């Protein structure tokens, strides 16, 4: 069976990179989980999909909250909100979701840090 990460890691704005990052972020350390590896893969997703909102939104929501990096969290969420949802490569309904969630999370940022 061929897996997407064997075909094109940049597919759909770097979704395979993001999936690997999310994987390393959420599995226990004794099973190979690693914040460093997670960040490397998620950063590659951001690079691969500069006009996709999910990677920056997810990096802020999942990685930066775990790392307690409040300023990086704010920067990514503000970037997500500032984009024109209709002009991005990612689907419009998803963009609206990411922007609404980013707005809510910024309004309650102190709950995460």
N, C-alpha and C. Protein backbone atom coordinates (compact mmCIF):
# COMPACT_ATOMS: atom_id res chain seq x y z
N UNK A 1 0.84 -1.18 0.00
CA UNK A 1 0.00 0.00 0.00
C UNK A 1 0.89 1.25 0.00
N UNK A 2 0.58 2.19 -0.87
CA UNK A 2 1.33 3.45 -0.94
C UNK A 2 0.64 4.47 -0.05
N UNK A 3 1.43 5.15 0.72
CA UNK A 3 0.91 6.18 1.61
C UNK A 3 1.22 7.56 1.04
N UNK A 4 0.38 8.55 1.37
CA UNK A 4 0.57 9.89 0.83
C UNK A 4 1.95 10.44 1.15
N UNK A 5 2.48 10.15 2.34
CA UNK A 5 3.79 10.70 2.67
C UNK A 5 4.89 10.10 1.79
N UNK A 6 4.61 9.01 1.12
CA UNK A 6 5.58 8.43 0.19
C UNK A 6 5.43 9.04 -1.21
N UNK A 7 4.32 9.69 -1.46
CA UNK A 7 4.07 10.28 -2.78
C UNK A 7 4.44 11.75 -2.80
N UNK A 8 3.85 12.54 -1.90
CA UNK A 8 4.05 13.98 -1.92
C UNK A 8 3.74 14.58 -0.56
N UNK A 9 4.77 14.92 0.18
CA UNK A 9 4.58 15.49 1.51
C UNK A 9 3.99 16.90 1.47
N UNK A 10 4.04 17.53 0.30
CA UNK A 10 3.50 18.89 0.19
C UNK A 10 2.05 18.90 -0.26
N UNK A 11 1.46 17.74 -0.49
CA UNK A 11 0.07 17.65 -0.95
C UNK A 11 -0.85 18.45 -0.03
N UNK A 12 -1.79 19.15 -0.64
CA UNK A 12 -2.82 19.92 0.08
C UNK A 12 -2.22 20.84 1.13
N UNK A 13 -1.21 21.58 0.71
CA UNK A 13 -0.62 22.54 1.64
C UNK A 13 0.19 21.91 2.75
N UNK A 14 0.74 20.74 2.51
CA UNK A 14 1.59 20.09 3.51
C UNK A 14 0.85 19.24 4.52
N UNK A 15 -0.35 18.77 4.18
CA UNK A 15 -1.12 17.95 5.12
C UNK A 15 -0.33 16.74 5.66
N UNK A 16 0.40 16.01 4.81
CA UNK A 16 1.16 14.89 5.39
C UNK A 16 2.19 15.34 6.43
N UNK A 17 2.87 16.47 6.18
CA UNK A 17 3.79 17.01 7.18
C UNK A 17 3.05 17.31 8.48
N UNK A 18 1.91 17.98 8.34
CA UNK A 18 1.14 18.34 9.52
C UNK A 18 0.69 17.10 10.30
N UNK A 19 0.25 16.09 9.56
CA UNK A 19 -0.21 14.86 10.22
C UNK A 19 0.91 14.23 11.03
N UNK A 20 2.11 14.22 10.47
CA UNK A 20 3.25 13.68 11.22
C UNK A 20 3.56 14.54 12.44
N UNK A 21 3.48 15.84 12.28
CA UNK A 21 3.71 16.73 13.42
C UNK A 21 2.70 16.50 14.53
N UNK A 22 1.44 16.38 14.15
CA UNK A 22 0.38 16.13 15.12
C UNK A 22 0.59 14.78 15.81
N UNK A 23 1.02 13.81 15.05
CA UNK A 23 1.33 12.48 15.60
C UNK A 23 2.41 12.59 16.67
N UNK A 24 3.53 13.21 16.34
CA UNK A 24 4.63 13.32 17.31
C UNK A 24 4.24 14.17 18.52
N UNK A 25 3.34 15.09 18.33
CA UNK A 25 2.88 15.94 19.42
C UNK A 25 2.01 15.19 20.41
N UNK A 26 1.27 14.20 19.92
CA UNK A 26 0.26 13.56 20.75
C UNK A 26 0.55 12.16 21.24
N UNK A 27 1.57 11.52 20.73
CA UNK A 27 1.88 10.21 21.29
C UNK A 27 2.81 10.39 22.49
N UNK A 28 2.76 9.48 23.44
CA UNK A 28 3.62 9.60 24.62
C UNK A 28 5.10 9.57 24.24
N UNK A 29 5.89 10.24 25.04
CA UNK A 29 7.33 10.31 24.78
C UNK A 29 7.96 8.92 24.74
N UNK A 30 7.51 8.01 25.60
CA UNK A 30 8.11 6.67 25.62
C UNK A 30 7.79 5.88 24.35
N UNK A 31 6.83 6.37 23.56
CA UNK A 31 6.49 5.71 22.29
C UNK A 31 7.04 6.48 21.09
N UNK A 32 7.84 7.51 21.36
CA UNK A 32 8.45 8.28 20.28
C UNK A 32 7.96 9.70 20.14
N UNK A 33 7.04 10.10 20.99
CA UNK A 33 6.53 11.46 20.93
C UNK A 33 7.64 12.47 21.19
N UNK A 34 7.56 13.60 20.51
CA UNK A 34 8.63 14.58 20.62
C UNK A 34 8.12 15.95 20.19
N UNK A 35 8.23 16.94 21.08
CA UNK A 35 7.86 18.30 20.72
C UNK A 35 8.76 18.82 19.61
N UNK A 36 10.03 18.46 19.67
CA UNK A 36 10.98 18.92 18.65
C UNK A 36 10.60 18.38 17.27
N UNK A 37 10.33 17.08 17.17
CA UNK A 37 9.93 16.50 15.88
C UNK A 37 8.59 17.07 15.43
N UNK A 38 7.67 17.24 16.37
CA UNK A 38 6.37 17.81 16.03
C UNK A 38 6.54 19.19 15.42
N UNK A 39 7.36 20.00 16.04
CA UNK A 39 7.57 21.36 15.54
C UNK A 39 8.23 21.34 14.17
N UNK A 40 9.19 20.46 13.96
CA UNK A 40 9.85 20.38 12.66
C UNK A 40 8.85 20.05 11.55
N UNK A 41 7.99 19.07 11.79
CA UNK A 41 7.03 18.68 10.76
C UNK A 41 5.95 19.75 10.55
N UNK A 42 5.46 20.34 11.62
CA UNK A 42 4.42 21.36 11.47
C UNK A 42 4.99 22.60 10.78
N UNK A 43 6.22 22.96 11.09
CA UNK A 43 6.85 24.08 10.39
C UNK A 43 7.00 23.79 8.90
N UNK A 44 7.27 22.55 8.55
CA UNK A 44 7.35 22.17 7.13
C UNK A 44 5.99 22.30 6.46
N UNK A 45 4.93 21.98 7.19
CA UNK A 45 3.58 22.14 6.65
C UNK A 45 3.28 23.61 6.39
N UNK A 46 3.69 24.47 7.31
CA UNK A 46 3.48 25.91 7.14
C UNK A 46 4.22 26.39 5.89
N UNK A 47 5.45 25.93 5.71
CA UNK A 47 6.23 26.29 4.51
C UNK A 47 5.59 25.77 3.24
N UNK A 48 5.10 24.53 3.28
CA UNK A 48 4.52 23.90 2.09
C UNK A 48 3.18 24.51 1.69
N UNK A 49 2.47 25.08 2.65
CA UNK A 49 1.15 25.63 2.37
C UNK A 49 1.00 27.05 2.85
N UNK A 50 1.72 27.99 2.24
CA UNK A 50 1.65 29.37 2.74
C UNK A 50 0.28 30.02 2.61
N UNK A 51 -0.60 29.45 1.80
CA UNK A 51 -1.95 30.00 1.65
C UNK A 51 -3.00 29.04 2.21
N UNK A 52 -2.62 28.26 3.20
CA UNK A 52 -3.53 27.37 3.92
C UNK A 52 -3.52 27.80 5.38
N UNK A 53 -4.68 27.87 6.00
CA UNK A 53 -4.77 28.37 7.38
C UNK A 53 -4.52 27.30 8.44
N UNK A 54 -4.85 26.04 8.13
CA UNK A 54 -4.86 25.01 9.17
C UNK A 54 -3.53 24.81 9.87
N UNK A 55 -2.42 24.91 9.16
CA UNK A 55 -1.12 24.60 9.78
C UNK A 55 -0.73 25.64 10.83
N UNK A 56 -0.91 26.91 10.51
CA UNK A 56 -0.60 27.95 11.50
C UNK A 56 -1.58 27.91 12.67
N UNK A 57 -2.86 27.69 12.35
CA UNK A 57 -3.86 27.57 13.40
C UNK A 57 -3.53 26.40 14.32
N UNK A 58 -3.23 25.25 13.74
CA UNK A 58 -2.91 24.06 14.53
C UNK A 58 -1.60 24.20 15.28
N UNK A 59 -0.63 24.85 14.66
CA UNK A 59 0.65 25.06 15.34
C UNK A 59 0.42 25.89 16.60
N UNK A 60 -0.39 26.94 16.49
CA UNK A 60 -0.68 27.77 17.66
C UNK A 60 -1.49 27.00 18.69
N UNK A 61 -2.57 26.37 18.22
CA UNK A 61 -3.51 25.72 19.14
C UNK A 61 -2.90 24.52 19.87
N UNK A 62 -2.15 23.73 19.18
CA UNK A 62 -1.65 22.48 19.77
C UNK A 62 -0.18 22.53 20.20
N UNK A 63 0.67 23.09 19.36
CA UNK A 63 2.11 23.09 19.69
C UNK A 63 2.48 24.23 20.64
N UNK A 64 2.11 25.46 20.27
CA UNK A 64 2.54 26.59 21.08
C UNK A 64 1.89 26.61 22.46
N UNK A 65 0.68 26.10 22.58
CA UNK A 65 0.10 26.02 23.92
C UNK A 65 0.86 25.00 24.76
N UNK A 66 1.26 23.90 24.14
CA UNK A 66 2.03 22.88 24.86
C UNK A 66 3.40 23.42 25.26
N UNK A 67 4.00 24.21 24.38
CA UNK A 67 5.32 24.78 24.65
C UNK A 67 5.26 26.02 25.54
N UNK A 68 4.05 26.51 25.79
CA UNK A 68 3.83 27.73 26.58
C UNK A 68 4.49 28.94 25.92
N UNK A 69 4.40 29.00 24.59
CA UNK A 69 4.97 30.11 23.82
C UNK A 69 3.83 31.06 23.43
N UNK A 70 3.53 31.97 24.33
CA UNK A 70 2.38 32.86 24.18
C UNK A 70 2.54 33.80 22.99
N UNK A 71 3.72 34.33 22.78
CA UNK A 71 3.92 35.29 21.69
C UNK A 71 3.79 34.61 20.33
N UNK A 72 4.36 33.42 20.17
CA UNK A 72 4.22 32.69 18.91
C UNK A 72 2.77 32.31 18.67
N UNK A 73 2.07 31.93 19.72
CA UNK A 73 0.65 31.62 19.64
C UNK A 73 -0.11 32.83 19.10
N UNK A 74 0.13 33.98 19.69
CA UNK A 74 -0.55 35.21 19.28
C UNK A 74 -0.24 35.54 17.82
N UNK A 75 1.00 35.43 17.43
CA UNK A 75 1.39 35.76 16.05
C UNK A 75 0.67 34.87 15.04
N UNK A 76 0.66 33.56 15.28
CA UNK A 76 -0.01 32.66 14.34
C UNK A 76 -1.52 32.89 14.30
N UNK A 77 -2.14 33.05 15.45
CA UNK A 77 -3.59 33.26 15.47
C UNK A 77 -3.96 34.59 14.82
N UNK A 78 -3.18 35.63 15.05
CA UNK A 78 -3.46 36.91 14.41
C UNK A 78 -3.26 36.82 12.89
N UNK A 79 -2.27 36.05 12.47
CA UNK A 79 -2.05 35.84 11.03
C UNK A 79 -3.27 35.14 10.42
N UNK A 80 -3.76 34.10 11.08
CA UNK A 80 -4.93 33.37 10.58
C UNK A 80 -6.12 34.30 10.43
N UNK A 81 -6.38 35.11 11.44
CA UNK A 81 -7.52 36.01 11.42
C UNK A 81 -7.38 37.07 10.32
N UNK A 82 -6.18 37.53 10.07
CA UNK A 82 -5.94 38.63 9.13
C UNK A 82 -6.09 38.23 7.65
N UNK A 83 -6.12 36.93 7.36
CA UNK A 83 -6.19 36.49 5.97
C UNK A 83 -7.60 36.64 5.41
N UNK A 84 -7.68 36.83 4.11
CA UNK A 84 -8.97 36.84 3.42
C UNK A 84 -9.36 35.38 3.17
N UNK A 85 -10.37 34.92 3.85
CA UNK A 85 -10.76 33.50 3.79
C UNK A 85 -11.09 33.05 2.37
N UNK A 86 -11.52 33.95 1.54
CA UNK A 86 -11.88 33.60 0.15
C UNK A 86 -10.66 33.51 -0.77
N UNK A 87 -9.55 34.08 -0.36
CA UNK A 87 -8.36 34.13 -1.20
C UNK A 87 -7.35 33.02 -0.89
N UNK A 88 -7.62 32.24 0.13
CA UNK A 88 -6.67 31.20 0.51
C UNK A 88 -6.89 29.95 -0.35
N UNK A 89 -5.88 29.08 -0.38
CA UNK A 89 -5.99 27.84 -1.16
C UNK A 89 -6.86 26.80 -0.47
N UNK A 90 -6.94 26.87 0.84
CA UNK A 90 -7.75 25.91 1.60
C UNK A 90 -9.23 26.23 1.43
N UNK A 91 -10.10 25.26 1.69
CA UNK A 91 -11.54 25.46 1.48
C UNK A 91 -12.11 26.58 2.36
N UNK A 92 -12.96 27.38 1.75
CA UNK A 92 -13.55 28.52 2.44
C UNK A 92 -14.22 28.15 3.77
N UNK A 93 -15.08 27.12 3.82
CA UNK A 93 -15.72 26.79 5.11
C UNK A 93 -14.69 26.45 6.20
N UNK A 94 -13.63 25.76 5.83
CA UNK A 94 -12.58 25.45 6.81
C UNK A 94 -11.90 26.73 7.28
N UNK A 95 -11.65 27.63 6.35
CA UNK A 95 -11.00 28.90 6.70
C UNK A 95 -11.83 29.69 7.71
N UNK A 96 -13.14 29.73 7.47
CA UNK A 96 -14.03 30.44 8.39
C UNK A 96 -13.97 29.79 9.77
N UNK A 97 -13.97 28.48 9.81
CA UNK A 97 -13.85 27.78 11.10
C UNK A 97 -12.56 28.16 11.81
N UNK A 98 -11.43 28.07 11.09
CA UNK A 98 -10.14 28.38 11.71
C UNK A 98 -10.10 29.83 12.20
N UNK A 99 -10.66 30.74 11.43
CA UNK A 99 -10.66 32.14 11.84
C UNK A 99 -11.54 32.37 13.07
N UNK A 100 -12.69 31.74 13.10
CA UNK A 100 -13.57 31.89 14.28
C UNK A 100 -12.92 31.30 15.53
N UNK A 101 -12.32 30.13 15.37
CA UNK A 101 -11.67 29.49 16.51
C UNK A 101 -10.48 30.32 16.98
N UNK A 102 -9.72 30.87 16.05
CA UNK A 102 -8.57 31.70 16.40
C UNK A 102 -9.03 32.94 17.17
N UNK A 103 -10.13 33.54 16.74
CA UNK A 103 -10.67 34.71 17.42
C UNK A 103 -11.08 34.37 18.85
N UNK A 104 -11.76 33.25 19.01
CA UNK A 104 -12.18 32.80 20.34
C UNK A 104 -10.98 32.50 21.23
N UNK A 105 -10.00 31.80 20.66
CA UNK A 105 -8.83 31.43 21.47
C UNK A 105 -8.03 32.67 21.88
N UNK A 106 -7.91 33.64 20.99
CA UNK A 106 -7.20 34.87 21.36
C UNK A 106 -7.94 35.61 22.47
N UNK A 107 -9.25 35.61 22.41
CA UNK A 107 -10.04 36.29 23.44
C UNK A 107 -9.88 35.63 24.80
N UNK A 108 -9.53 34.35 24.82
CA UNK A 108 -9.36 33.60 26.06
C UNK A 108 -7.92 33.09 26.22
N UNK A 109 -6.99 33.81 25.64
CA UNK A 109 -5.59 33.36 25.60
C UNK A 109 -5.03 33.04 26.98
N UNK A 110 -5.38 33.80 27.97
CA UNK A 110 -4.83 33.56 29.30
C UNK A 110 -5.28 32.23 29.90
N UNK A 111 -6.34 31.65 29.36
CA UNK A 111 -6.77 30.32 29.82
C UNK A 111 -5.78 29.24 29.38
N UNK A 112 -5.01 29.52 28.36
CA UNK A 112 -4.08 28.52 27.80
C UNK A 112 -2.66 28.69 28.32
N UNK A 113 -2.37 29.83 28.94
CA UNK A 113 -0.99 30.08 29.37
C UNK A 113 -0.92 30.46 30.84
